[in-house]
Amino acid sequence: MNRYLVWGLFLPLLVVAGVVVLLRRRNGHR
């Protein structure tokens, strides 16, 4: 398998997960 293919699928997932965590922390900080 291509490294770029793995990174292309794995990296976006990490970014999305990070954004979700940040949003949850922001909303849960009320």
N, C-alpha and C. Protein backbone atom coordinates (compact mmCIF):
# COMPACT_ATOMS: atom_id res chain seq x y z
N MET A 1 0.85 -1.21 0.00
CA MET A 1 0.00 0.00 0.00
C MET A 1 0.87 1.25 0.00
N ASN A 2 0.33 2.32 -0.47
CA ASN A 2 1.09 3.57 -0.56
C ASN A 2 1.07 4.31 0.77
N ARG A 3 2.20 4.86 1.14
CA ARG A 3 2.24 5.62 2.39
C ARG A 3 1.33 6.84 2.28
N TYR A 4 1.36 7.48 1.11
CA TYR A 4 0.54 8.68 0.93
C TYR A 4 -0.95 8.35 1.07
N LEU A 5 -1.33 7.14 0.60
CA LEU A 5 -2.74 6.74 0.69
C LEU A 5 -3.14 6.58 2.16
N VAL A 6 -2.26 5.94 2.93
CA VAL A 6 -2.56 5.74 4.36
C VAL A 6 -2.65 7.09 5.07
N TRP A 7 -1.66 7.97 4.79
CA TRP A 7 -1.66 9.29 5.43
C TRP A 7 -2.88 10.09 5.00
N GLY A 8 -3.27 9.95 3.71
CA GLY A 8 -4.42 10.69 3.19
C GLY A 8 -5.70 10.29 3.89
N LEU A 9 -5.74 9.04 4.39
CA LEU A 9 -6.95 8.58 5.08
C LEU A 9 -6.83 8.79 6.59
N PHE A 10 -5.62 8.63 7.12
CA PHE A 10 -5.42 8.69 8.57
C PHE A 10 -5.36 10.13 9.07
N LEU A 11 -4.64 10.99 8.34
CA LEU A 11 -4.47 12.38 8.78
C LEU A 11 -5.80 13.11 8.94
N PRO A 12 -6.68 13.08 7.93
CA PRO A 12 -7.98 13.77 8.07
C PRO A 12 -8.76 13.27 9.27
N LEU A 13 -8.66 11.97 9.55
CA LEU A 13 -9.39 11.42 10.71
C LEU A 13 -8.85 12.04 12.00
N LEU A 14 -7.53 12.20 12.07
CA LEU A 14 -6.93 12.79 13.27
C LEU A 14 -7.40 14.24 13.42
N VAL A 15 -7.42 14.96 12.31
CA VAL A 15 -7.84 16.38 12.36
C VAL A 15 -9.29 16.48 12.83
N VAL A 16 -10.14 15.64 12.25
CA VAL A 16 -11.57 15.67 12.63
C VAL A 16 -11.72 15.32 14.10
N ALA A 17 -11.00 14.31 14.55
CA ALA A 17 -11.09 13.90 15.96
C ALA A 17 -10.65 15.06 16.87
N GLY A 18 -9.59 15.74 16.48
CA GLY A 18 -9.10 16.86 17.29
C GLY A 18 -10.13 17.98 17.37
N VAL A 19 -10.76 18.28 16.23
CA VAL A 19 -11.77 19.35 16.21
C VAL A 19 -12.95 18.97 17.08
N VAL A 20 -13.37 17.71 17.00
CA VAL A 20 -14.52 17.26 17.80
C VAL A 20 -14.20 17.38 19.29
N VAL A 21 -12.99 16.99 19.66
CA VAL A 21 -12.60 17.07 21.07
C VAL A 21 -12.60 18.52 21.54
N LEU A 22 -12.07 19.41 20.71
CA LEU A 22 -12.02 20.84 21.08
C LEU A 22 -13.44 21.39 21.23
N LEU A 23 -14.31 21.03 20.30
CA LEU A 23 -15.69 21.53 20.36
C LEU A 23 -16.38 20.99 21.61
N ARG A 24 -16.15 19.72 21.93
CA ARG A 24 -16.79 19.12 23.11
C ARG A 24 -16.29 19.82 24.37
N ARG A 25 -14.99 20.11 24.43
CA ARG A 25 -14.44 20.78 25.62
C ARG A 25 -15.04 22.18 25.74
N ARG A 26 -15.18 22.86 24.60
CA ARG A 26 -15.73 24.22 24.62
C ARG A 26 -17.17 24.20 25.12
N ASN A 27 -17.98 23.29 24.57
CA ASN A 27 -19.39 23.22 24.96
C ASN A 27 -19.53 22.72 26.40
N GLY A 28 -18.63 21.85 26.83
CA GLY A 28 -18.73 21.29 28.18
C GLY A 28 -18.16 22.22 29.23
N HIS A 29 -17.58 23.35 28.79
CA HIS A 29 -16.96 24.29 29.73
C HIS A 29 -18.00 25.23 30.34
N ARG A 30 -19.26 25.12 29.91
CA ARG A 30 -20.30 26.04 30.40
C ARG A 30 -20.36 26.03 31.91
